[in-house]
Amino acid sequence: MHKIDIDLVNMTLDVMKYAIDRISVTEPKIGIPKKAEELKALVGETITPKGIGGEVAFNLWKEHLMKANVSIDHPRHLAFVPASPTRAAIMFDLVTSASSIHGAYWMEGAGGIFCENEAMKWIVSLTGLPEGAFGVFTSGGTAANLSAIVTAREYWRSLNDKNKVEKGLIITSIGAHSSIKAMAKVVDVDVLLVDTEDRLEGTALQETIDSLTQQQRQRLFAVVGTGGTTNAGIIDDLDGIATICAKEGLWFHIDAAYGGGALAADSVRHLFKGIEKADSITIDPHKWMFSPYDCGAVIYKNPELAKEAHSQQGSYLDIFKDEGAHGFNPSDYQIQLTRRVRGLPLWFSLATHGTERYKVAIERGLELAQIAGKLIQDKPYVELVRDPSLSCVLFRRIGWNPEDYTHWTYENHKKGFALVTPTKWKTGTAFETVSRFCFINPDTTEKDIEMILDSMK
């Protein structure tokens, strides 16, 4: 399987041509999903005792399977949090795979980890955290949030023996990302939700803490704020929350997986005041830092606490921690032992383009949200649910019910025109179905936005 022959060389050339064509296309197709039965009918059996051959398999991918995927970097993919990796980052993702580097320990991956750390220094500098703060790249925001909360819980347990047998408690808002609640199940801690999908204010947090029973207060060890909610781009009162956490002796984690990229934008940096007081921060470079999936990051004010929580022990691992294997070991600071050097494509893109180009691209996402807001205000059949925040825009089609939004989404997707999905927004005591734009790709145009809105007529 691993021998080099002329067929493999030719296949490599085909793959490189495919990659070049893919990243240089000027009018990409958004992709149309198909049911599993349809795909099976198109490609037949692909895993067989003798194999079908690389050329046949690759042609099936190009002709059928690739076309059933949504290109997350399509200019009219405005759902969820899309992505727009730079061509340089995509190209270097190929190099990363071909280099076959294990990024857990410096002894194995010194060159790759060095590059990751150079990129991480830039991200940490955006947060304003004090000297000594640092982080590692993870598979995404969920792994980063999990790593941070495990660190917070282990630190809390170290404070006294009673905490070692108590079930911990964290506070966040209903607007926090779904991974916070999911991660709490994994860690086996309780979550208390402050009932606001809008900005979590310090006053609301203090009222929630004051309402706790004595037993709940003893179990409370962390607060999770959000630096740009996924649903609406809302930034919590980070400064007010940080002050309360310091006073109450609580770990302050900020989930800025989506919004953290905006720290590079001078126009909105002030909205993140207080982020420099966090104990840990999640930022996803595969979102607003133009890196390919999958690439998240977790940053700690005191990395040694993370090391105490996550460093794995085993006789087969001792050599990696020996003084002779000196260097930074990423696996010591997050939940994964086996890891790719996920930060390498980001490093290459930053080295290629410079951080100023990143600022310009991020500012464009903010500008597109404002453009969309004005277009919505000018059309009689749609209206804003709230003012655009960061690069998210929530709007409603006047007179539509939830089924209308769903039908519209599917129709546009089936046509290969656009992917814009509905969400829910809490108005008063009820949740309303609305539509949502999230702008990441600087190649999205005003005309793209206009055409999507026109399809709602």
Protein backbone atom coordinates (compact mmCIF):
# COMPACT_ATOMS: atom_id res chain seq x y z
CA MET A 1 0.00 0.00 0.00
CA HIS A 2 2.81 2.39 0.79
CA LYS A 3 5.19 1.79 -2.09
CA ILE A 4 5.87 4.65 -4.51
CA ASP A 5 5.10 3.79 -8.13
CA ILE A 6 4.18 5.63 -11.31
CA ASP A 7 0.44 5.27 -10.63
CA LEU A 8 0.85 6.98 -7.27
CA VAL A 9 2.89 9.78 -8.85
CA ASN A 10 0.22 10.32 -11.50
CA MET A 11 -2.51 10.29 -8.85
CA THR A 12 -0.57 12.87 -6.83
CA LEU A 13 -0.47 15.12 -9.89
CA ASP A 14 -4.22 14.69 -10.35
CA VAL A 15 -4.83 15.57 -6.70
CA MET A 16 -2.64 18.67 -6.99
CA LYS A 17 -4.51 19.77 -10.11
CA TYR A 18 -7.81 19.25 -8.31
CA ALA A 19 -6.59 21.29 -5.34
CA ILE A 20 -5.31 24.10 -7.57
CA ASP A 21 -8.58 24.20 -9.52
CA ARG A 22 -10.58 24.21 -6.29
CA ILE A 23 -8.77 27.10 -4.64
CA SER A 24 -8.53 29.20 -7.81
CA VAL A 25 -12.17 28.94 -8.90
CA THR A 26 -13.81 32.37 -9.18
CA GLU A 27 -17.45 31.20 -9.27
CA PRO A 28 -17.68 28.21 -6.91
CA LYS A 29 -20.76 26.00 -6.64
CA ILE A 30 -22.37 25.89 -3.24
CA GLY A 31 -23.08 22.15 -3.38
CA ILE A 32 -26.39 20.31 -3.15
CA PRO A 33 -26.90 17.50 -0.62
CA LYS A 34 -28.28 14.12 -1.68
CA LYS A 35 -29.74 11.25 0.29
CA ALA A 36 -27.48 8.30 1.07
CA GLU A 37 -29.52 6.07 -1.27
CA GLU A 38 -28.99 8.50 -4.15
CA LEU A 39 -25.24 8.63 -3.57
CA LYS A 40 -25.05 4.85 -3.33
CA ALA A 41 -26.88 4.54 -6.66
CA LEU A 42 -24.38 6.94 -8.25
CA VAL A 43 -21.13 5.45 -6.95
CA GLY A 44 -21.95 1.85 -6.07
CA GLU A 45 -19.68 -0.16 -3.76
CA THR A 46 -16.41 1.66 -3.08
CA ILE A 47 -14.93 -0.49 -0.31
CA THR A 48 -14.27 -3.94 -1.74
CA PRO A 49 -11.82 -6.79 -1.07
CA LYS A 50 -9.70 -5.95 -4.14
CA GLY A 51 -10.25 -2.18 -4.17
CA ILE A 52 -11.66 -0.17 -7.06
CA GLY A 53 -8.43 1.70 -7.77
CA GLY A 54 -7.37 5.22 -6.98
CA GLU A 55 -8.30 6.69 -10.35
CA VAL A 56 -11.85 5.32 -10.21
CA ALA A 57 -12.31 6.40 -6.59
CA PHE A 58 -10.98 9.88 -7.26
CA ASN A 59 -13.24 10.31 -10.29
CA LEU A 60 -16.25 9.27 -8.20
CA TRP A 61 -15.29 11.95 -5.69
CA LYS A 62 -14.96 14.65 -8.34
CA GLU A 63 -18.05 13.73 -10.32
CA HIS A 64 -20.52 12.91 -7.57
CA LEU A 65 -19.43 12.99 -3.96
CA MET A 66 -17.78 16.41 -3.83
CA LYS A 67 -20.85 17.99 -5.41
CA ALA A 68 -23.01 16.74 -2.54
CA ASN A 69 -21.10 18.88 -0.02
CA VAL A 70 -21.66 22.50 0.89
CA SER A 71 -18.61 24.68 0.31
CA ILE A 72 -18.26 26.55 3.58
CA ASP A 73 -16.34 29.32 1.81
CA HIS A 74 -19.04 30.02 -0.79
CA PRO A 75 -19.88 33.77 -0.81
CA ARG A 76 -23.59 32.99 -0.35
CA HIS A 77 -23.07 30.48 2.46
CA LEU A 78 -24.21 32.76 5.28
CA ALA A 79 -25.56 30.13 7.69
CA PHE A 80 -24.21 28.97 11.06
CA VAL A 81 -20.66 30.36 11.24
CA PRO A 82 -19.17 29.78 7.79
CA ALA A 83 -15.48 29.95 6.99
CA SER A 84 -13.23 31.46 4.38
CA PRO A 85 -9.74 29.97 4.57
CA THR A 86 -7.12 31.86 2.62
CA ARG A 87 -5.59 30.15 -0.41
CA ALA A 88 -2.28 30.16 1.42
CA ALA A 89 -3.81 28.37 4.41
CA ILE A 90 -5.52 25.77 2.20
CA MET A 91 -2.31 25.09 0.33
CA PHE A 92 -0.36 24.69 3.54
CA ASP A 93 -2.99 22.31 4.89
CA LEU A 94 -1.81 19.98 2.13
CA VAL A 95 1.78 20.48 3.32
CA THR A 96 0.70 19.78 6.90
CA SER A 97 -0.85 16.45 5.92
CA ALA A 98 2.06 15.46 3.69
CA SER A 99 4.57 16.30 6.43
CA SER A 100 3.03 13.66 8.75
CA ILE A 101 3.80 15.44 12.02
CA HIS A 102 2.52 14.37 15.43
CA GLY A 103 1.97 17.64 17.27
CA ALA A 104 1.67 16.38 20.83
CA TYR A 105 5.26 16.76 22.00
CA TRP A 106 8.18 18.99 21.08
CA MET A 107 10.48 15.99 20.74
CA GLU A 108 8.46 14.79 17.73
CA GLY A 109 7.14 18.01 16.25
CA ALA A 110 9.50 20.83 17.22
CA GLY A 111 9.40 22.62 13.86
CA GLY A 112 5.63 22.45 13.52
CA ILE A 113 4.98 23.38 17.14
CA PHE A 114 7.37 26.32 16.81
CA CYS A 115 5.29 27.64 13.92
CA GLU A 116 2.05 27.09 15.86
CA ASN A 117 3.47 29.00 18.80
CA GLU A 118 4.41 31.94 16.57
CA ALA A 119 0.79 32.16 15.40
CA MET A 120 -0.45 31.71 18.97
CA LYS A 121 1.67 34.65 20.16
CA TRP A 122 -0.24 36.89 17.77
CA ILE A 123 -3.63 35.60 18.94
CA VAL A 124 -2.68 36.02 22.60
CA SER A 125 -1.49 39.57 21.90
CA LEU A 126 -4.97 40.44 20.62
CA THR A 127 -6.55 39.51 23.95
CA GLY A 128 -4.41 41.79 26.09
CA LEU A 129 -3.87 39.05 28.67
CA PRO A 130 -0.87 39.62 30.95
CA GLU A 131 2.63 38.36 30.28
CA GLY A 132 2.89 34.61 30.71
CA ALA A 133 -0.50 33.86 29.16
CA PHE A 134 -0.42 31.34 26.36
CA GLY A 135 -2.48 28.72 24.59
CA VAL A 136 -2.66 25.73 22.26
CA PHE A 137 -4.57 24.81 19.15
CA THR A 138 -7.42 22.30 19.43
CA SER A 139 -9.89 20.66 17.06
CA GLY A 140 -12.44 23.43 17.60
CA GLY A 141 -14.42 25.45 20.10
CA THR A 142 -16.00 22.47 21.83
CA ALA A 143 -12.62 20.89 22.63
CA ALA A 144 -11.29 24.28 23.69
CA ASN A 145 -14.24 24.99 25.99
CA LEU A 146 -14.00 21.50 27.45
CA SER A 147 -10.27 21.90 28.09
CA ALA A 148 -10.82 25.25 29.83
CA ILE A 149 -13.62 24.03 32.08
CA VAL A 150 -11.69 20.90 33.05
CA THR A 151 -8.81 23.19 34.02
CA ALA A 152 -11.16 25.42 36.02
CA ARG A 153 -12.75 22.45 37.79
CA GLU A 154 -9.41 20.84 38.65
CA TYR A 155 -8.14 24.15 40.04
CA TRP A 156 -11.31 24.47 42.14
CA ARG A 157 -10.88 20.93 43.42
CA SER A 158 -7.32 21.70 44.46
CA LEU A 159 -8.47 24.49 46.77
CA ASN A 160 -9.83 22.17 49.50
CA ASP A 161 -10.79 18.55 50.11
CA LYS A 162 -14.53 19.26 50.16
CA ASN A 163 -14.46 20.45 46.57
CA LYS A 164 -13.03 17.09 45.53
CA VAL A 165 -16.30 15.33 46.36
CA GLU A 166 -18.76 18.07 45.36
CA LYS A 167 -20.45 18.26 41.96
CA GLY A 168 -19.42 21.57 40.49
CA LEU A 169 -21.68 24.32 39.17
CA ILE A 170 -21.12 26.90 36.43
CA ILE A 171 -23.18 29.90 35.35
CA THR A 172 -23.71 31.07 31.78
CA SER A 173 -26.58 32.56 29.76
CA ILE A 174 -29.12 30.92 27.45
CA GLY A 175 -27.35 32.73 24.63
CA ALA A 176 -24.13 30.80 25.23
CA HIS A 177 -23.02 28.27 22.62
CA SER A 178 -24.53 24.78 22.72
CA SER A 179 -21.08 23.30 23.43
CA ILE A 180 -21.09 24.86 26.91
CA LYS A 181 -24.09 22.78 27.95
CA ALA A 182 -22.77 19.69 26.15
CA MET A 183 -19.33 20.10 27.68
CA ALA A 184 -20.85 20.37 31.17
CA LYS A 185 -22.37 16.90 30.71
CA VAL A 186 -18.97 15.47 29.86
CA VAL A 187 -17.35 17.13 32.87
CA ASP A 188 -20.35 16.18 35.02
CA VAL A 189 -21.07 19.64 36.36
CA ASP A 190 -24.38 21.45 36.64
CA VAL A 191 -25.18 24.53 34.55
CA LEU A 192 -27.31 27.42 35.76
CA LEU A 193 -28.59 29.53 32.86
CA VAL A 194 -29.28 33.24 33.21
CA ASP A 195 -32.45 33.81 31.21
CA THR A 196 -31.22 36.27 28.63
CA GLU A 197 -30.34 35.70 25.01
CA ASP A 198 -29.17 39.29 24.84
CA ARG A 199 -26.10 40.72 26.53
CA LEU A 200 -25.31 39.07 29.87
CA GLU A 201 -24.82 42.02 32.21
CA GLY A 202 -22.75 41.98 35.35
CA THR A 203 -25.79 43.05 37.37
CA ALA A 204 -27.80 40.04 36.17
CA LEU A 205 -24.91 37.73 37.03
CA GLN A 206 -24.61 39.21 40.53
CA GLU A 207 -28.36 38.81 41.10
CA THR A 208 -28.11 35.18 40.03
CA ILE A 209 -25.20 34.51 42.39
CA ASP A 210 -27.00 36.26 45.25
CA SER A 211 -30.07 34.05 44.70
CA LEU A 212 -28.12 30.80 45.11
CA THR A 213 -28.55 28.60 48.14
CA GLN A 214 -25.53 28.21 50.38
CA GLN A 215 -24.96 24.71 49.00
CA GLN A 216 -25.12 25.96 45.39
CA ARG A 217 -22.73 28.80 46.16
CA GLN A 218 -20.20 26.33 47.56
CA ARG A 219 -20.40 24.32 44.33
CA LEU A 220 -20.10 27.32 42.00
CA PHE A 221 -16.61 27.52 40.51
CA ALA A 222 -16.84 29.23 37.10
CA VAL A 223 -18.73 31.69 34.93
CA VAL A 224 -18.76 31.44 31.14
CA GLY A 225 -19.22 34.68 29.24
CA THR A 226 -19.46 35.02 25.49
CA GLY A 227 -17.38 37.20 23.18
CA GLY A 228 -19.78 37.15 20.24
CA THR A 229 -22.72 34.75 20.49
CA THR A 230 -23.12 32.38 17.57
CA ASN A 231 -26.77 33.25 17.16
CA ALA A 232 -26.57 37.03 17.12
CA GLY A 233 -22.96 38.19 17.58
CA ILE A 234 -23.65 39.62 21.03
CA ILE A 235 -20.73 40.40 23.35
CA ASP A 236 -21.46 40.02 27.05
CA ASP A 237 -20.53 42.61 29.67
CA LEU A 238 -17.08 41.09 29.95
CA ASP A 239 -15.66 43.82 32.17
CA GLY A 240 -18.55 43.69 34.62
CA ILE A 241 -18.48 39.89 34.73
CA ALA A 242 -14.72 39.88 35.28
CA THR A 243 -15.09 42.22 38.27
CA ILE A 244 -17.71 39.98 39.85
CA CYS A 245 -15.67 36.81 39.24
CA ALA A 246 -12.64 38.41 40.89
CA LYS A 247 -14.73 39.47 43.89
CA GLU A 248 -16.46 36.08 44.23
CA GLY A 249 -13.32 34.00 43.59
CA LEU A 250 -14.67 32.38 40.41
CA TRP A 251 -12.92 31.23 37.25
CA PHE A 252 -13.89 33.43 34.31
CA HIS A 253 -13.94 31.67 30.94
CA ILE A 254 -14.84 33.53 27.74
CA ASP A 255 -16.13 31.66 24.73
CA ALA A 256 -15.05 33.86 21.83
CA ALA A 257 -14.90 30.99 19.34
CA TYR A 258 -16.74 32.98 16.68
CA GLY A 259 -16.26 36.59 17.78
CA GLY A 260 -12.62 36.41 18.86
CA GLY A 261 -11.37 37.18 15.37
CA ALA A 262 -12.91 40.65 15.71
CA LEU A 263 -10.28 41.46 18.32
CA ALA A 264 -8.06 42.29 15.34
CA ALA A 265 -10.53 44.91 14.08
CA ASP A 266 -9.86 48.37 15.45
CA SER A 267 -13.48 49.42 14.91
CA VAL A 268 -14.90 46.97 17.49
CA ARG A 269 -11.96 46.10 19.74
CA HIS A 270 -13.37 48.33 22.50
CA LEU A 271 -16.49 46.14 22.72
CA PHE A 272 -14.34 43.36 24.21
CA LYS A 273 -13.21 45.42 27.21
CA GLY A 274 -12.61 43.00 30.07
CA ILE A 275 -11.43 40.08 27.96
CA GLU A 276 -7.92 40.77 29.24
CA LYS A 277 -9.15 39.79 32.74
CA ALA A 278 -10.27 36.29 31.76
CA ASP A 279 -8.75 33.12 33.17
CA SER A 280 -9.25 31.31 29.86
CA ILE A 281 -10.48 32.16 26.36
CA THR A 282 -11.66 30.11 23.39
CA ILE A 283 -11.05 31.43 19.84
CA ASP A 284 -11.57 29.48 16.61
CA PRO A 285 -9.13 30.42 13.83
CA HIS A 286 -11.20 28.29 11.42
CA LYS A 287 -13.96 30.86 11.73
CA TRP A 288 -12.92 34.50 11.54
CA MET A 289 -9.17 33.99 11.18
CA PHE A 290 -9.41 32.36 7.75
CA SER A 291 -7.88 29.01 8.64
CA PRO A 292 -9.20 25.66 7.31
CA TYR A 293 -11.30 23.34 9.42
CA ASP A 294 -10.56 22.20 11.98
CA CYS A 295 -8.65 24.67 14.11
CA GLY A 296 -9.69 26.02 17.49
CA ALA A 297 -7.61 27.51 20.28
CA VAL A 298 -7.73 27.71 24.05
CA ILE A 299 -5.73 30.38 25.88
CA TYR A 300 -4.92 30.50 29.59
CA LYS A 301 -3.87 33.36 31.80
CA ASN A 302 -1.91 30.82 33.85
CA PRO A 303 -0.94 27.90 31.58
CA GLU A 304 0.59 25.99 34.51
CA LEU A 305 -2.91 25.36 35.87
CA ALA A 306 -3.87 23.78 32.56
CA LYS A 307 -0.74 21.66 32.62
CA GLU A 308 -1.61 20.35 36.07
CA ALA A 309 -5.08 19.43 34.82
CA HIS A 310 -4.23 17.87 31.46
CA SER A 311 -0.69 16.48 31.48
CA GLN A 312 -0.95 12.73 30.90
CA GLN A 313 1.28 10.29 32.72
CA GLY A 314 2.64 7.01 31.40
CA SER A 315 5.98 5.26 31.30
CA TYR A 316 5.93 5.46 27.50
CA LEU A 317 5.50 9.25 27.76
CA ASP A 318 8.32 9.93 30.22
CA ILE A 319 10.92 10.50 27.51
CA PHE A 320 8.89 13.36 26.03
CA LYS A 321 9.09 15.22 29.34
CA ASP A 322 12.75 14.56 29.97
CA GLU A 323 15.06 17.59 30.04
CA GLY A 324 16.74 16.26 26.91
CA ALA A 325 13.43 16.63 25.04
CA HIS A 326 13.17 20.26 26.09
CA GLY A 327 10.37 22.26 24.54
CA PHE A 328 6.68 23.14 24.67
CA ASN A 329 4.34 20.13 24.70
CA PRO A 330 0.83 21.10 23.45
CA SER A 331 -0.77 17.90 24.73
CA ASP A 332 -0.12 19.07 28.29
CA TYR A 333 -2.58 21.95 27.98
CA GLN A 334 -5.76 20.46 26.49
CA ILE A 335 -7.71 17.22 26.43
CA GLN A 336 -6.14 15.61 23.35
CA LEU A 337 -2.95 13.58 23.38
CA THR A 338 -2.97 12.70 19.70
CA ARG A 339 -3.16 15.92 17.69
CA ARG A 340 -2.32 17.37 14.32
CA VAL A 341 -0.31 20.59 14.15
CA ARG A 342 -3.56 22.41 13.46
CA GLY A 343 -2.04 25.87 13.70
CA LEU A 344 0.40 25.35 10.80
CA PRO A 345 -1.93 26.61 8.01
CA LEU A 346 -2.73 29.70 10.08
CA TRP A 347 0.97 30.35 10.66
CA PHE A 348 1.71 30.13 6.94
CA SER A 349 -1.20 32.39 6.04
CA LEU A 350 -0.16 35.00 8.62
CA ALA A 351 3.46 34.79 7.48
CA THR A 352 2.37 35.14 3.85
CA HIS A 353 -0.11 38.00 4.16
CA GLY A 354 0.78 39.81 7.39
CA THR A 355 -1.59 40.76 10.19
CA GLU A 356 -2.68 44.03 8.55
CA ARG A 357 -4.35 42.09 5.71
CA TYR A 358 -6.18 40.08 8.35
CA LYS A 359 -7.51 43.27 9.90
CA VAL A 360 -8.82 44.46 6.53
CA ALA A 361 -10.57 41.14 5.84
CA ILE A 362 -12.21 41.05 9.28
CA GLU A 363 -13.36 44.66 8.97
CA ARG A 364 -15.02 43.67 5.68
CA GLY A 365 -17.18 41.12 7.51
CA LEU A 366 -18.30 43.84 9.91
CA GLU A 367 -19.02 46.16 7.00
CA LEU A 368 -21.10 43.52 5.18
CA ALA A 369 -23.34 43.17 8.25
CA GLN A 370 -23.99 46.92 8.24
CA ILE A 371 -24.70 46.85 4.49
CA ALA A 372 -27.18 44.01 5.01
CA GLY A 373 -28.86 45.92 7.82
CA LYS A 374 -29.42 48.94 5.59
CA LEU A 375 -30.72 46.81 2.71
CA ILE A 376 -33.21 45.14 5.07
CA GLN A 377 -34.40 48.50 6.36
CA ASP A 378 -35.03 49.66 2.78
CA LYS A 379 -37.26 46.71 1.85
CA PRO A 380 -40.93 46.70 2.90
CA TYR A 381 -41.28 42.91 3.29
CA VAL A 382 -38.40 42.33 5.75
CA GLU A 383 -37.33 43.99 8.98
CA LEU A 384 -34.49 43.79 11.45
CA VAL A 385 -35.06 41.84 14.63
CA ARG A 386 -32.23 43.79 16.27
CA ASP A 387 -29.35 45.92 15.08
CA PRO A 388 -26.49 43.94 13.49
CA SER A 389 -23.87 42.83 15.99
CA LEU A 390 -20.36 41.95 14.83
CA SER A 391 -21.07 40.17 11.53
CA CYS A 392 -24.44 38.64 12.49
CA VAL A 393 -27.77 40.00 11.26
CA LEU A 394 -31.14 38.73 12.51
CA PHE A 395 -34.17 39.65 10.41
CA ARG A 396 -37.73 38.52 9.80
CA ARG A 397 -39.82 38.15 6.67
CA ILE A 398 -43.04 39.92 7.60
CA GLY A 399 -45.98 37.53 7.59
CA TRP A 400 -43.99 34.29 7.48
CA ASN A 401 -44.43 31.36 9.84
CA PRO A 402 -41.68 28.86 10.77
CA GLU A 403 -42.59 26.54 7.87
CA ASP A 404 -42.09 29.37 5.37
CA TYR A 405 -38.51 29.94 6.56
CA THR A 406 -37.74 26.23 6.35
CA HIS A 407 -39.22 25.90 2.84
CA TRP A 408 -37.30 28.98 1.64
CA THR A 409 -34.03 27.61 3.01
CA TYR A 410 -34.47 24.24 1.30
CA GLU A 411 -35.54 25.75 -2.01
CA ASN A 412 -32.53 28.05 -2.23
CA HIS A 413 -30.24 25.21 -1.24
CA LYS A 414 -31.70 22.75 -3.77
CA LYS A 415 -31.13 25.31 -6.50
CA GLY A 416 -27.49 25.64 -5.47
CA PHE A 417 -28.10 29.34 -4.97
CA ALA A 418 -27.50 30.05 -1.28
CA LEU A 419 -27.50 28.56 2.19
CA VAL A 420 -29.20 30.82 4.71
CA THR A 421 -30.91 29.06 7.60
CA PRO A 422 -33.55 30.08 10.17
CA THR A 423 -32.93 30.41 13.87
CA LYS A 424 -34.97 31.37 16.91
CA TRP A 425 -34.91 34.57 18.90
CA LYS A 426 -36.56 35.11 22.26
CA THR A 427 -38.91 38.08 22.20
CA GLY A 428 -40.42 38.62 25.64
CA THR A 429 -41.33 35.15 26.87
CA ALA A 430 -41.70 33.49 23.48
CA PHE A 431 -39.24 32.25 20.87
CA GLU A 432 -39.80 33.49 17.34
CA THR A 433 -38.45 31.89 14.15
CA VAL A 434 -36.39 34.41 12.17
CA SER A 435 -33.68 34.39 9.51
CA ARG A 436 -30.01 35.08 10.02
CA PHE A 437 -26.93 36.17 8.10
CA CYS A 438 -23.39 35.55 9.34
CA PHE A 439 -20.67 37.22 7.28
CA ILE A 440 -17.13 35.83 7.30
CA ASN A 441 -16.15 35.71 3.64
CA PRO A 442 -14.81 39.05 2.35
CA ASP A 443 -15.73 37.90 -1.18
CA THR A 444 -19.45 38.18 -0.38
CA THR A 445 -20.87 41.16 -2.27
CA GLU A 446 -23.74 43.58 -1.79
CA LYS A 447 -25.32 41.99 -4.87
CA ASP A 448 -25.22 38.57 -3.17
CA ILE A 449 -27.11 39.99 -0.19
CA GLU A 450 -29.60 41.79 -2.46
CA MET A 451 -30.34 38.60 -4.42
CA ILE A 452 -30.93 36.56 -1.25
CA LEU A 453 -33.32 39.15 0.13
CA ASP A 454 -35.11 39.37 -3.22
CA SER A 455 -35.72 35.62 -3.09
CA MET A 456 -37.95 36.25 -0.06
CA LYS A 457 -40.46 38.33 -2.00
